Structure formats: C-alpha cells, structure tokens
C-alpha cells in the first residue's frame, strides 16, 4: 500500500511472502481460500492487520502483486470488502462485478466464486458472523428467517444507505486506530455492532429486502406499554430496537410505528430520554473528584460526548458538567 501504513497497523495479523502461511493465517479470519500470483515467477508480499469486537471483525489485506483468489463456500460468516486502492474482478455464481473504492462487494459465500486482485490492491474487510446477522434480520422482520440470507454482490457506496453503512465502519476504524475508549465500553460496542448489521441489511439488496422495507403490523397500545416498561427496567443494558421488538413479539418496523402513533417518538428516542434522566440522577450525586462526565455518559450508552452534551442541555437547561459541579 505504497509507503503508507495499513489501517490497524498496531494490530498486525500476518506479514509473509510464503503462500501457504498466508492462506493459513488469513484463512483464520476471513475463511479458507487459495491464492496464487497471476504472473509466472511473481511472489506475494502478504500483509493483514485487523481487530475483532463482538460478532464483527475489521481487517485490511494486501498481497503486493496481482493475484487470483478462490474462497471456499462457508455457512459461518459473510464478508464485505471495500477496495481502498486498486480494483478486484469478482464472480459469485452468475453475478460479475469489478469492485472499486466506490463499489464494494458483499460476499455471501454461498456459491462458488473467484476473485482477481490488481497489483497494489488493498482491501478493507468487514466480517459478520452469519448467525448473529440472521438473528438481527429476524428481529427486524419479526420472525426467524426460513432460508439463508444472501446479498447482491455489488454495493454502490455512492448511495445514501450504503454511505451510512460505510460511515459506521469508518467510525469503528478510527476508534481502533486512535485507541479511543468507545470500543472498551460493552454497551457502546453492542449498539454499534447492531447498527452496522442493521445498516447493511437495510442498505444492500438481499433475498429479504422486500420484507425488510415493506412488511409491518400495527402495534396495539398494550404492546407499546410492555416495550416502555422493558426500556425503563433495562436502560443500563445493551439494548437495541430489535431487542425490544423481539422481547414484545413484534417486528422492529411495527414497534417503530406503534411508538410513533401512540407516543409520537421512536423507541430509541424514548430510551435516550430514560438514559438522560438516569445520567442526570447519577451526575447529581457523583463526586467530581472520583468520576467524570465521560464516565457517566459512556456508562449510559452515549458514545458521542458532543451529542450527549447537546441533548442533555436541551432536556435540562444546563450542561452535564454544570450538574456535576453542583
């Protein structure tokens, strides 16, 4: 990748010129595959860095020369690859694309496939545990998926939904590279992980996309009341709209509609209000010598301190630090 360090440079996984070692070590993270240089006599210079958190992994990989890659079909995970430099000619069953920095590829790994990376190509991979992603899908549609989830191969990163998904990836990448405290907070990690999966499911065409975008049922007030009670009792725990919907027995879309109709807000908006109230209560009795606004914000699931402070001031008429000092 020219003279610039790879993303996640502090988290090196493998750096080798040996094909067998590259296949084994890269395969541990991205799945078993075969790789060989295109040009006779050429040698690979493989380097992979990466991190894992929860059910998601982020990795960066290059081979230093033009290569042919043949992944094996698996049912344990899916991959999204965004070329940072160079291009990749992809075939997955009947689909064919040339992936570029503006066109990612979503590898369902359910059909035979082949990949040809250009010389100097560097790819940013997001790895999703298939079971976790299909669990998230089930929470969104309100039922257990009855067939394997498969995506269309090409993801146009110029489209707003895909741009939103990429922005979450970049947020996680920056946190990993700068050592930010966000990834050390289980509640925040769970929320970001769920957001990353939901954004992918909603942004990328799949065999469930029509049901995700169109199917919903009207939620009666008792269901909304159960959801409200659950939010208030579990506000300190990792909680997503999909978790709440699953717990009360409806789809995420139906729950959103029920909250909008009966409370004029979203489930996550209500959860945010509850957490703001709990954060204020804690700041009111906390000793500023032993704790900080950041500690309290992270504990109640607020990953972005600027937005937390703004929402806090709008709700209570003062900043979190003013409450803490008092």
C-alpha atoms as a PDB file:
ATOM      1  CA  UNK A   1       0.000   0.000   0.000  1.00  0.00           C
ATOM      2  CA  UNK A   2       2.708   2.396  -1.154  1.00  0.00           C
ATOM      3  CA  UNK A   3       4.632   3.854   1.778  1.00  0.00           C
ATOM      4  CA  UNK A   4       1.609   4.450   3.985  1.00  0.00           C
ATOM      5  CA  UNK A   5       0.923   2.103   6.894  1.00  0.00           C
ATOM      6  CA  UNK A   6      -2.057  -0.206   6.652  1.00  0.00           C
ATOM      7  CA  UNK A   7      -5.160   0.612   8.660  1.00  0.00           C
ATOM      8  CA  UNK A   8      -4.980  -1.072  12.081  1.00  0.00           C
ATOM      9  CA  UNK A   9      -1.172  -1.079  11.768  1.00  0.00           C
ATOM     10  CA  UNK A  10      -0.849  -1.682  15.504  1.00  0.00           C
ATOM     11  CA  UNK A  11      -2.835  -4.915  15.117  1.00  0.00           C
ATOM     12  CA  UNK A  12      -0.764  -6.918  12.639  1.00  0.00           C
ATOM     13  CA  UNK A  13      -2.050 -10.449  11.965  1.00  0.00           C
ATOM     14  CA  UNK A  14       0.360 -11.726   9.326  1.00  0.00           C
ATOM     15  CA  UNK A  15       3.154 -10.425   7.117  1.00  0.00           C
ATOM     16  CA  UNK A  16       4.729 -13.058   4.868  1.00  0.00           C
ATOM     17  CA  UNK A  17       5.959 -13.966   1.396  1.00  0.00           C
ATOM     18  CA  UNK A  18       5.018 -17.611   1.890  1.00  0.00           C
ATOM     19  CA  UNK A  19       1.789 -18.594   0.117  1.00  0.00           C
ATOM     20  CA  UNK A  20       0.973 -21.467   2.475  1.00  0.00           C
ATOM     21  CA  UNK A  21       1.414 -19.280   5.550  1.00  0.00           C
ATOM     22  CA  UNK A  22      -0.694 -16.513   4.017  1.00  0.00           C
ATOM     23  CA  UNK A  23      -3.516 -18.947   3.183  1.00  0.00           C
ATOM     24  CA  UNK A  24      -3.487 -20.381   6.697  1.00  0.00           C
ATOM     25  CA  UNK A  25      -3.248 -17.125   8.663  1.00  0.00           C
ATOM     26  CA  UNK A  26      -5.606 -15.051   6.519  1.00  0.00           C
ATOM     27  CA  UNK A  27      -7.981 -18.001   6.401  1.00  0.00           C
ATOM     28  CA  UNK A  28      -8.289 -17.956  10.200  1.00  0.00           C
ATOM     29  CA  UNK A  29     -10.031 -14.592   9.957  1.00  0.00           C
ATOM     30  CA  UNK A  30     -11.651 -14.482   6.511  1.00  0.00           C
ATOM     31  CA  UNK A  31     -12.278 -18.166   5.766  1.00  0.00           C
ATOM     32  CA  UNK A  32     -10.365 -20.837   3.884  1.00  0.00           C
ATOM     33  CA  UNK A  33      -9.219 -19.926   0.377  1.00  0.00           C
ATOM     34  CA  UNK A  34      -6.474 -20.412  -2.206  1.00  0.00           C
ATOM     35  CA  UNK A  35      -4.267 -17.643  -3.615  1.00  0.00           C
ATOM     36  CA  UNK A  36      -1.647 -17.572  -6.378  1.00  0.00           C
ATOM     37  CA  UNK A  37       0.173 -14.813  -8.297  1.00  0.00           C
ATOM     38  CA  UNK A  38      -1.086 -14.140 -11.822  1.00  0.00           C
ATOM     39  CA  UNK A  39       2.352 -13.609 -13.342  1.00  0.00           C
ATOM     40  CA  UNK A  40       4.653 -16.604 -13.592  1.00  0.00           C
ATOM     41  CA  UNK A  41       7.596 -16.211 -11.223  1.00  0.00           C
ATOM     42  CA  UNK A  42       5.976 -13.420  -9.196  1.00  0.00           C
ATOM     43  CA  UNK A  43       5.902 -13.643  -5.410  1.00  0.00           C
ATOM     44  CA  UNK A  44       3.309 -12.409  -2.970  1.00  0.00           C
ATOM     45  CA  UNK A  45       4.060  -9.974  -0.171  1.00  0.00           C
ATOM     46  CA  UNK A  46       1.014 -10.571   2.006  1.00  0.00           C
ATOM     47  CA  UNK A  47       0.184  -8.376   4.965  1.00  0.00           C
ATOM     48  CA  UNK A  48      -3.004  -8.370   7.030  1.00  0.00           C
ATOM     49  CA  UNK A  49      -3.987  -6.279  10.038  1.00  0.00           C
ATOM     50  CA  UNK A  50      -7.243  -6.313  11.924  1.00  0.00           C
ATOM     51  CA  UNK A  51      -9.375  -6.258  15.060  1.00  0.00           C
ATOM     52  CA  UNK A  52     -12.438  -8.117  16.348  1.00  0.00           C
ATOM     53  CA  UNK A  53     -15.192  -6.952  18.643  1.00  0.00           C
ATOM     54  CA  UNK A  54     -18.367  -8.851  19.405  1.00  0.00           C
ATOM     55  CA  UNK A  55     -19.609 -10.665  16.308  1.00  0.00           C
ATOM     56  CA  UNK A  56     -17.821  -8.358  13.847  1.00  0.00           C
ATOM     57  CA  UNK A  57     -14.232  -8.114  12.620  1.00  0.00           C
ATOM     58  CA  UNK A  58     -12.442  -5.407  10.615  1.00  0.00           C
ATOM     59  CA  UNK A  59      -9.354  -6.350   8.576  1.00  0.00           C
ATOM     60  CA  UNK A  60      -7.093  -4.820   5.967  1.00  0.00           C
ATOM     61  CA  UNK A  61      -5.252  -7.054   3.471  1.00  0.00           C
ATOM     62  CA  UNK A  62      -2.919  -6.714   0.502  1.00  0.00           C
ATOM     63  CA  UNK A  63      -0.700  -9.116  -1.471  1.00  0.00           C
ATOM     64  CA  UNK A  64       1.717  -6.755  -3.189  1.00  0.00           C
ATOM     65  CA  UNK A  65       1.139  -8.258  -6.648  1.00  0.00           C
ATOM     66  CA  UNK A  66      -1.708  -9.273  -8.933  1.00  0.00           C
ATOM     67  CA  UNK A  67      -3.309 -12.447  -7.568  1.00  0.00           C
ATOM     68  CA  UNK A  68      -6.118 -14.908  -8.176  1.00  0.00           C
ATOM     69  CA  UNK A  69      -8.143 -15.810  -5.077  1.00  0.00           C
ATOM     70  CA  UNK A  70     -10.584 -18.704  -4.746  1.00  0.00           C
ATOM     71  CA  UNK A  71     -12.568 -18.602  -1.484  1.00  0.00           C
ATOM     72  CA  UNK A  72     -14.332 -21.713  -0.235  1.00  0.00           C
ATOM     73  CA  UNK A  73     -18.072 -21.675   0.402  1.00  0.00           C
ATOM     74  CA  UNK A  74     -18.901 -21.379   4.125  1.00  0.00           C
ATOM     75  CA  UNK A  75     -22.026 -21.028   6.253  1.00  0.00           C
ATOM     76  CA  UNK A  76     -20.379 -19.385   9.264  1.00  0.00           C
ATOM     77  CA  UNK A  77     -19.844 -15.805   8.116  1.00  0.00           C
ATOM     78  CA  UNK A  78     -20.243 -13.152   5.400  1.00  0.00           C
ATOM     79  CA  UNK A  79     -17.769 -10.546   4.167  1.00  0.00           C
ATOM     80  CA  UNK A  80     -17.981  -7.020   2.806  1.00  0.00           C
ATOM     81  CA  UNK A  81     -14.845  -5.816   1.034  1.00  0.00           C
ATOM     82  CA  UNK A  82     -14.174  -2.173   0.188  1.00  0.00           C
ATOM     83  CA  UNK A  83     -11.123  -1.627  -2.046  1.00  0.00           C
ATOM     84  CA  UNK A  84      -9.013   1.177  -0.600  1.00  0.00           C
ATOM     85  CA  UNK A  85      -6.625   1.055  -3.558  1.00  0.00           C
ATOM     86  CA  UNK A  86      -6.933  -0.796  -6.862  1.00  0.00           C
ATOM     87  CA  UNK A  87      -9.692  -2.963  -8.295  1.00  0.00           C
ATOM     88  CA  UNK A  88     -10.980  -6.514  -7.927  1.00  0.00           C
ATOM     89  CA  UNK A  89     -12.790  -8.530 -10.606  1.00  0.00           C
ATOM     90  CA  UNK A  90     -15.363 -10.659  -8.769  1.00  0.00           C
ATOM     91  CA  UNK A  91     -17.624 -13.531  -9.765  1.00  0.00           C
ATOM     92  CA  UNK A  92     -20.118 -15.091  -7.345  1.00  0.00           C
ATOM     93  CA  UNK A  93     -22.394 -17.597  -9.019  1.00  0.00           C
ATOM     94  CA  UNK A  94     -23.923 -15.780 -12.027  1.00  0.00           C
ATOM     95  CA  UNK A  95     -23.006 -12.288 -10.769  1.00  0.00           C
ATOM     96  CA  UNK A  96     -19.943 -10.409 -12.075  1.00  0.00           C
ATOM     97  CA  UNK A  97     -18.597  -7.029 -10.976  1.00  0.00           C
ATOM     98  CA  UNK A  98     -15.358  -5.055 -10.944  1.00  0.00           C
ATOM     99  CA  UNK A  99     -15.073  -3.708  -7.419  1.00  0.00           C
ATOM    100  CA  UNK A 100     -13.523  -0.259  -6.886  1.00  0.00           C
ATOM    101  CA  UNK A 101     -13.254   2.203  -3.987  1.00  0.00           C
ATOM    102  CA  UNK A 102     -16.777   3.340  -4.946  1.00  0.00           C
ATOM    103  CA  UNK A 103     -18.252  -0.143  -5.421  1.00  0.00           C
ATOM    104  CA  UNK A 104     -17.827  -2.581  -2.552  1.00  0.00           C
ATOM    105  CA  UNK A 105     -18.557  -6.291  -2.843  1.00  0.00           C
ATOM    106  CA  UNK A 106     -20.774  -8.246  -0.440  1.00  0.00           C
ATOM    107  CA  UNK A 107     -19.666 -11.872  -0.322  1.00  0.00           C
ATOM    108  CA  UNK A 108     -22.442 -14.157   0.898  1.00  0.00           C
ATOM    109  CA  UNK A 109     -20.049 -17.103   0.308  1.00  0.00           C
ATOM    110  CA  UNK A 110     -22.962 -19.366  -0.609  1.00  0.00           C
ATOM    111  CA  UNK A 111     -21.881 -20.032  -4.213  1.00  0.00           C
ATOM    112  CA  UNK A 112     -18.592 -20.833  -5.986  1.00  0.00           C
ATOM    113  CA  UNK A 113     -16.632 -17.649  -6.551  1.00  0.00           C
ATOM    114  CA  UNK A 114     -13.358 -16.303  -7.856  1.00  0.00           C
ATOM    115  CA  UNK A 115     -11.524 -13.009  -7.377  1.00  0.00           C
ATOM    116  CA  UNK A 116      -8.727 -11.308  -9.302  1.00  0.00           C
ATOM    117  CA  UNK A 117      -6.981  -8.501  -7.431  1.00  0.00           C
ATOM    118  CA  UNK A 118      -4.992  -5.901  -9.321  1.00  0.00           C
ATOM    119  CA  UNK A 119      -1.357  -5.296  -8.385  1.00  0.00           C
ATOM    120  CA  UNK A 120      -1.210  -2.970  -5.376  1.00  0.00           C
ATOM    121  CA  UNK A 121      -4.797  -3.713  -4.414  1.00  0.00           C
ATOM    122  CA  UNK A 122      -5.606  -3.160  -0.729  1.00  0.00           C
ATOM    123  CA  UNK A 123      -8.947  -4.262   0.688  1.00  0.00           C
ATOM    124  CA  UNK A 124     -10.808  -3.288   3.860  1.00  0.00           C
ATOM    125  CA  UNK A 125     -12.915  -6.263   5.022  1.00  0.00           C
ATOM    126  CA  UNK A 126     -15.819  -6.339   7.433  1.00  0.00           C
ATOM    127  CA  UNK A 127     -16.591  -9.851   8.661  1.00  0.00           C
ATOM    128  CA  UNK A 128     -20.045 -10.657  10.042  1.00  0.00           C
ATOM    129  CA  UNK A 129     -20.921 -13.794  11.959  1.00  0.00           C
ATOM    130  CA  UNK A 130     -23.746 -15.308   9.894  1.00  0.00           C
ATOM    131  CA  UNK A 131     -25.793 -16.458  12.885  1.00  0.00           C
ATOM    132  CA  UNK A 132     -25.600 -13.020  14.524  1.00  0.00           C
ATOM    133  CA  UNK A 133     -26.565 -11.267  11.278  1.00  0.00           C
ATOM    134  CA  UNK A 134     -29.516 -13.601  10.690  1.00  0.00           C
ATOM    135  CA  UNK A 135     -30.594 -13.107  14.321  1.00  0.00           C
ATOM    136  CA  UNK A 136     -30.586  -9.369  13.657  1.00  0.00           C
ATOM    137  CA  UNK A 137     -32.593  -9.959  10.482  1.00  0.00           C
ATOM    138  CA  UNK A 138     -35.129 -11.964  12.488  1.00  0.00           C
ATOM    139  CA  UNK A 139     -35.546  -9.155  14.988  1.00  0.00           C
ATOM    140  CA  UNK A 140     -36.162  -6.681  12.163  1.00  0.00           C
ATOM    141  CA  UNK A 141     -38.795  -8.756  10.352  1.00  0.00           C
ATOM    142  CA  UNK A 142     -40.393 -10.193  13.487  1.00  0.00           C
ATOM    143  CA  UNK A 143     -39.786 -13.872  12.729  1.00  0.00           C
ATOM    144  CA  UNK A 144     -36.987 -16.404  12.331  1.00  0.00           C
ATOM    145  CA  UNK A 145     -35.511 -16.402   8.778  1.00  0.00           C
ATOM    146  CA  UNK A 146     -36.528 -19.597   6.978  1.00  0.00           C
ATOM    147  CA  UNK A 147     -33.772 -19.593   4.341  1.00  0.00           C
ATOM    148  CA  UNK A 148     -30.105 -18.490   4.289  1.00  0.00           C
ATOM    149  CA  UNK A 149     -29.538 -14.764   3.914  1.00  0.00           C
ATOM    150  CA  UNK A 150     -27.904 -13.862   0.587  1.00  0.00           C
ATOM    151  CA  UNK A 151     -26.981 -10.406  -0.735  1.00  0.00           C
ATOM    152  CA  UNK A 152     -26.467  -8.942  -4.165  1.00  0.00           C
ATOM    153  CA  UNK A 153     -22.761  -8.834  -4.966  1.00  0.00           C
ATOM    154  CA  UNK A 154     -22.131  -5.133  -5.649  1.00  0.00           C
ATOM    155  CA  UNK A 155     -22.705  -2.360  -3.079  1.00  0.00           C
ATOM    156  CA  UNK A 156     -22.782   1.142  -4.576  1.00  0.00           C
ATOM    157  CA  UNK A 157     -21.090   3.289  -1.933  1.00  0.00           C
ATOM    158  CA  UNK A 158     -22.341   6.497  -3.553  1.00  0.00           C
ATOM    159  CA  UNK A 159     -25.936   5.693  -2.496  1.00  0.00           C
ATOM    160  CA  UNK A 160     -27.017   7.286   0.813  1.00  0.00           C
ATOM    161  CA  UNK A 161     -27.896   3.996   2.620  1.00  0.00           C
ATOM    162  CA  UNK A 162     -24.530   2.458   1.714  1.00  0.00           C
ATOM    163  CA  UNK A 163     -22.717   5.683   2.629  1.00  0.00           C
ATOM    164  CA  UNK A 164     -24.337   5.496   6.053  1.00  0.00           C
ATOM    165  CA  UNK A 165     -23.120   1.923   6.470  1.00  0.00           C
ATOM    166  CA  UNK A 166     -19.591   2.940   5.419  1.00  0.00           C
ATOM    167  CA  UNK A 167     -19.610   5.817   7.916  1.00  0.00           C
ATOM    168  CA  UNK A 168     -20.184   3.358  10.780  1.00  0.00           C
ATOM    169  CA  UNK A 169     -17.251   1.257   9.526  1.00  0.00           C
ATOM    170  CA  UNK A 170     -15.063   4.362   9.442  1.00  0.00           C
ATOM    171  CA  UNK A 171     -16.117   5.315  12.962  1.00  0.00           C
ATOM    172  CA  UNK A 172     -15.044   1.896  14.239  1.00  0.00           C
ATOM    173  CA  UNK A 173     -11.830   2.108  12.230  1.00  0.00           C
ATOM    174  CA  UNK A 174     -10.924   5.492  13.730  1.00  0.00           C
ATOM    175  CA  UNK A 175     -11.677   4.255  17.239  1.00  0.00           C
ATOM    176  CA  UNK A 176      -9.442   1.219  16.723  1.00  0.00           C
ATOM    177  CA  UNK A 177      -6.588   3.245  15.244  1.00  0.00           C
ATOM    178  CA  UNK A 178      -6.654   6.079  17.781  1.00  0.00           C
ATOM    179  CA  UNK A 179      -7.245   3.948  20.864  1.00  0.00           C
ATOM    180  CA  UNK A 180     -10.487   5.731  21.687  1.00  0.00           C
ATOM    181  CA  UNK A 181     -12.350   4.488  24.718  1.00  0.00           C
ATOM    182  CA  UNK A 182     -15.535   3.733  22.818  1.00  0.00           C
ATOM    183  CA  UNK A 183     -14.554   0.142  21.980  1.00  0.00           C
ATOM    184  CA  UNK A 184     -13.847  -0.550  25.650  1.00  0.00           C
ATOM    185  CA  UNK A 185     -17.496   0.060  26.559  1.00  0.00           C
ATOM    186  CA  UNK A 186     -19.606  -3.119  26.069  1.00  0.00           C
ATOM    187  CA  UNK A 187     -22.845  -1.153  25.834  1.00  0.00           C
ATOM    188  CA  UNK A 188     -21.483   1.114  23.108  1.00  0.00           C
ATOM    189  CA  UNK A 189     -19.901  -1.787  21.200  1.00  0.00           C
ATOM    190  CA  UNK A 190     -23.194  -3.679  21.222  1.00  0.00           C
ATOM    191  CA  UNK A 191     -25.059  -0.672  19.868  1.00  0.00           C
ATOM    192  CA  UNK A 192     -22.512  -0.006  17.119  1.00  0.00           C
ATOM    193  CA  UNK A 193     -22.409  -3.683  16.178  1.00  0.00           C
ATOM    194  CA  UNK A 194     -26.207  -3.782  15.895  1.00  0.00           C
ATOM    195  CA  UNK A 195     -26.204  -0.549  13.884  1.00  0.00           C
ATOM    196  CA  UNK A 196     -23.594  -1.934  11.488  1.00  0.00           C
ATOM    197  CA  UNK A 197     -25.668  -5.072  10.878  1.00  0.00           C
ATOM    198  CA  UNK A 198     -28.962  -3.198  10.544  1.00  0.00           C
ATOM    199  CA  UNK A 199     -27.476  -0.679   8.119  1.00  0.00           C
ATOM    200  CA  UNK A 200     -26.142  -3.494   5.939  1.00  0.00           C
ATOM    201  CA  UNK A 201     -29.486  -5.310   5.956  1.00  0.00           C
ATOM    202  CA  UNK A 202     -31.399  -2.155   5.023  1.00  0.00           C
ATOM    203  CA  UNK A 203     -28.870  -0.760   2.535  1.00  0.00           C
ATOM    204  CA  UNK A 204     -27.970  -3.810   0.456  1.00  0.00           C
ATOM    205  CA  UNK A 205     -30.472  -5.766  -1.701  1.00  0.00           C
ATOM    206  CA  UNK A 206     -30.964  -9.308  -0.431  1.00  0.00           C
ATOM    207  CA  UNK A 207     -33.490 -12.124  -0.556  1.00  0.00           C
ATOM    208  CA  UNK A 208     -35.240 -10.448   2.418  1.00  0.00           C
ATOM    209  CA  UNK A 209     -35.148  -6.822   1.294  1.00  0.00           C
ATOM    210  CA  UNK A 210     -38.851  -6.568   0.364  1.00  0.00           C
ATOM    211  CA  UNK A 211     -39.912  -7.886   3.751  1.00  0.00           C
ATOM    212  CA  UNK A 212     -37.463  -5.559   5.497  1.00  0.00           C
ATOM    213  CA  UNK A 213     -38.733  -2.474   3.697  1.00  0.00           C
ATOM    214  CA  UNK A 214     -42.468  -3.151   3.403  1.00  0.00           C
ATOM    215  CA  UNK A 215     -43.755  -5.689   5.912  1.00  0.00           C
ATOM    216  CA  UNK A 216     -45.182  -4.451   9.224  1.00  0.00           C
ATOM    217  CA  UNK A 217     -48.159  -4.812  11.571  1.00  0.00           C
ATOM    218  CA  UNK A 218     -49.853  -2.141  13.609  1.00  0.00           C
ATOM    219  CA  UNK A 219     -48.881  -2.353  17.280  1.00  0.00           C
ATOM    220  CA  UNK A 220     -51.639  -2.029  19.873  1.00  0.00           C
ATOM    221  CA  UNK A 221     -51.072   0.190  22.955  1.00  0.00           C
ATOM    222  CA  UNK A 222     -50.522  -2.793  25.346  1.00  0.00           C
ATOM    223  CA  UNK A 223     -47.515  -3.796  23.260  1.00  0.00           C
ATOM    224  CA  UNK A 224     -46.155  -0.267  23.437  1.00  0.00           C
ATOM    225  CA  UNK A 225     -46.647  -0.289  27.214  1.00  0.00           C
ATOM    226  CA  UNK A 226     -44.706  -3.543  27.520  1.00  0.00           C
ATOM    227  CA  UNK A 227     -41.914  -2.052  25.435  1.00  0.00           C
ATOM    228  CA  UNK A 228     -41.868   1.095  27.591  1.00  0.00           C
ATOM    229  CA  UNK A 229     -41.655  -0.995  30.756  1.00  0.00           C
ATOM    230  CA  UNK A 230     -38.844  -3.080  29.299  1.00  0.00           C
ATOM    231  CA  UNK A 231     -36.897   0.046  28.318  1.00  0.00           C
ATOM    232  CA  UNK A 232     -37.240   1.555  31.780  1.00  0.00           C
ATOM    233  CA  UNK A 233     -36.215  -1.673  33.516  1.00  0.00           C
ATOM    234  CA  UNK A 234     -33.219  -2.396  31.269  1.00  0.00           C
ATOM    235  CA  UNK A 235     -31.964   1.062  30.267  1.00  0.00           C
ATOM    236  CA  UNK A 236     -28.489   0.341  31.658  1.00  0.00           C
ATOM    237  CA  UNK A 237     -28.077  -2.747  29.467  1.00  0.00           C
ATOM    238  CA  UNK A 238     -27.094  -3.076  25.797  1.00  0.00           C
ATOM    239  CA  UNK A 239     -30.467  -2.539  24.128  1.00  0.00           C
ATOM    240  CA  UNK A 240     -31.472  -2.039  20.506  1.00  0.00           C
ATOM    241  CA  UNK A 241     -34.846  -1.518  18.860  1.00  0.00           C
ATOM    242  CA  UNK A 242     -34.532  -5.068  17.524  1.00  0.00           C
ATOM    243  CA  UNK A 243     -34.006  -6.424  21.047  1.00  0.00           C
ATOM    244  CA  UNK A 244     -37.089  -4.609  22.294  1.00  0.00           C
ATOM    245  CA  UNK A 245     -39.227  -5.739  19.349  1.00  0.00           C
ATOM    246  CA  UNK A 246     -38.180  -9.348  19.815  1.00  0.00           C
ATOM    247  CA  UNK A 247     -38.939  -9.212  23.548  1.00  0.00           C
ATOM    248  CA  UNK A 248     -42.510  -7.964  22.981  1.00  0.00           C
ATOM    249  CA  UNK A 249     -43.167 -10.202  19.971  1.00  0.00           C
ATOM    250  CA  UNK A 250     -43.365  -7.821  17.004  1.00  0.00           C
ATOM    251  CA  UNK A 251     -41.110  -6.681  14.194  1.00  0.00           C
ATOM    252  CA  UNK A 252     -38.829  -3.687  14.619  1.00  0.00           C
ATOM    253  CA  UNK A 253     -40.774  -1.771  11.967  1.00  0.00           C
ATOM    254  CA  UNK A 254     -44.069  -2.475  13.729  1.00  0.00           C
ATOM    255  CA  UNK A 255     -42.633  -1.312  17.042  1.00  0.00           C
ATOM    256  CA  UNK A 256     -41.385   1.907  15.438  1.00  0.00           C
ATOM    257  CA  UNK A 257     -44.847   2.540  14.019  1.00  0.00           C
ATOM    258  CA  UNK A 258     -46.519   1.829  17.376  1.00  0.00           C
ATOM    259  CA  UNK A 259     -44.265   4.299  19.213  1.00  0.00           C
ATOM    260  CA  UNK A 260     -44.756   6.941  16.530  1.00  0.00           C
ATOM    261  CA  UNK A 261     -48.529   6.568  16.614  1.00  0.00           C
ATOM    262  CA  UNK A 262     -49.049   6.376  20.382  1.00  0.00           C
ATOM    263  CA  UNK A 263     -46.075   8.276  21.891  1.00  0.00           C
ATOM    264  CA  UNK A 264     -45.018  10.495  18.976  1.00  0.00           C
ATOM    265  CA  UNK A 265     -41.407   9.324  19.337  1.00  0.00           C
ATOM    266  CA  UNK A 266     -39.213   6.369  18.447  1.00  0.00           C
ATOM    267  CA  UNK A 267     -38.245   3.520  20.790  1.00  0.00           C
ATOM    268  CA  UNK A 268     -34.635   4.696  20.702  1.00  0.00           C
ATOM    269  CA  UNK A 269     -35.762   8.248  21.335  1.00  0.00           C
ATOM    270  CA  UNK A 270     -37.623   7.092  24.422  1.00  0.00           C
ATOM    271  CA  UNK A 271     -34.616   5.039  25.547  1.00  0.00           C
ATOM    272  CA  UNK A 272     -32.410   8.110  25.100  1.00  0.00           C
ATOM    273  CA  UNK A 273     -34.727  10.164  27.313  1.00  0.00           C
ATOM    274  CA  UNK A 274     -34.678   7.491  30.021  1.00  0.00           C
ATOM    275  CA  UNK A 275     -30.884   7.296  29.876  1.00  0.00           C
ATOM    276  CA  UNK A 276     -30.585  11.080  30.031  1.00  0.00           C
ATOM    277  CA  UNK A 277     -32.738  11.070  33.160  1.00  0.00           C
ATOM    278  CA  UNK A 278     -30.619   8.323  34.719  1.00  0.00           C
ATOM    279  CA  UNK A 279     -27.380  10.106  33.756  1.00  0.00           C
ATOM    280  CA  UNK A 280     -28.653  13.329  35.374  1.00  0.00           C
ATOM    281  CA  UNK A 281     -29.564  11.458  38.546  1.00  0.00           C
ATOM    282  CA  UNK A 282     -26.070   9.976  38.702  1.00  0.00           C
ATOM    283  CA  UNK A 283     -24.339  13.296  37.972  1.00  0.00           C
ATOM    284  CA  UNK A 284     -26.361  14.937  40.728  1.00  0.00           C
ATOM    285  CA  UNK A 285     -24.921  12.652  43.421  1.00  0.00           C
ATOM    286  CA  UNK A 286     -21.476  11.933  41.925  1.00  0.00           C
ATOM    287  CA  UNK A 287     -18.268  13.344  43.383  1.00  0.00           C
ATOM    288  CA  UNK A 288     -16.461  15.204  40.551  1.00  0.00           C
ATOM    289  CA  UNK A 289     -13.141  14.140  42.095  1.00  0.00           C
ATOM    290  CA  UNK A 290     -13.825  10.448  41.514  1.00  0.00           C
ATOM    291  CA  UNK A 291     -15.824  10.484  38.283  1.00  0.00           C
ATOM    292  CA  UNK A 292     -16.201  12.477  35.079  1.00  0.00           C
ATOM    293  CA  UNK A 293     -18.975  13.356  32.666  1.00  0.00           C
ATOM    294  CA  UNK A 294     -17.323  10.991  30.181  1.00  0.00           C
ATOM    295  CA  UNK A 295     -17.557   8.099  32.634  1.00  0.00           C
ATOM    296  CA  UNK A 296     -21.255   8.683  33.210  1.00  0.00           C
ATOM    297  CA  UNK A 297     -22.032   9.239  29.527  1.00  0.00           C
ATOM    298  CA  UNK A 298     -20.333   6.010  28.459  1.00  0.00           C
ATOM    299  CA  UNK A 299     -21.990   4.079  31.286  1.00  0.00           C
ATOM    300  CA  UNK A 300     -25.405   5.108  29.970  1.00  0.00           C
ATOM    301  CA  UNK A 301     -24.607   4.295  26.349  1.00  0.00           C
ATOM    302  CA  UNK A 302     -23.746   7.750  24.958  1.00  0.00           C
ATOM    303  CA  UNK A 303     -20.827   7.185  22.592  1.00  0.00           C
ATOM    304  CA  UNK A 304     -20.623  10.743  21.220  1.00  0.00           C
ATOM    305  CA  UNK A 305     -19.933  13.218  24.030  1.00  0.00           C
ATOM    306  CA  UNK A 306     -20.815  16.273  21.972  1.00  0.00           C
ATOM    307  CA  UNK A 307     -24.253  14.923  21.142  1.00  0.00           C
ATOM    308  CA  UNK A 308     -24.750  13.812  24.739  1.00  0.00           C
ATOM    309  CA  UNK A 309     -23.983  17.318  25.998  1.00  0.00           C
ATOM    310  CA  UNK A 310     -26.311  18.902  23.433  1.00  0.00           C
ATOM    311  CA  UNK A 311     -29.194  16.522  24.204  1.00  0.00           C
ATOM    312  CA  UNK A 312     -28.598  16.975  27.945  1.00  0.00           C
ATOM    313  CA  UNK A 313     -28.724  20.774  27.707  1.00  0.00           C
ATOM    314  CA  UNK A 314     -31.856  20.692  25.560  1.00  0.00           C
ATOM    315  CA  UNK A 315     -33.604  18.451  28.112  1.00  0.00           C
ATOM    316  CA  UNK A 316     -32.392  20.014  31.372  1.00  0.00           C
ATOM    317  CA  UNK A 317     -31.306  23.559  30.517  1.00  0.00           C
ATOM    318  CA  UNK A 318     -27.716  23.117  31.683  1.00  0.00           C
ATOM    319  CA  UNK A 319     -24.614  21.173  30.680  1.00  0.00           C
ATOM    320  CA  UNK A 320     -23.655  17.822  32.258  1.00  0.00           C
ATOM    321  CA  UNK A 321     -20.526  19.418  33.753  1.00  0.00           C
ATOM    322  CA  UNK A 322     -22.648  22.102  35.447  1.00  0.00           C
ATOM    323  CA  UNK A 323     -24.803  19.393  37.039  1.00  0.00           C
ATOM    324  CA  UNK A 324     -21.686  17.519  38.177  1.00  0.00           C
ATOM    325  CA  UNK A 325     -20.109  20.622  39.732  1.00  0.00           C
ATOM    326  CA  UNK A 326     -23.274  21.395  41.657  1.00  0.00           C
END
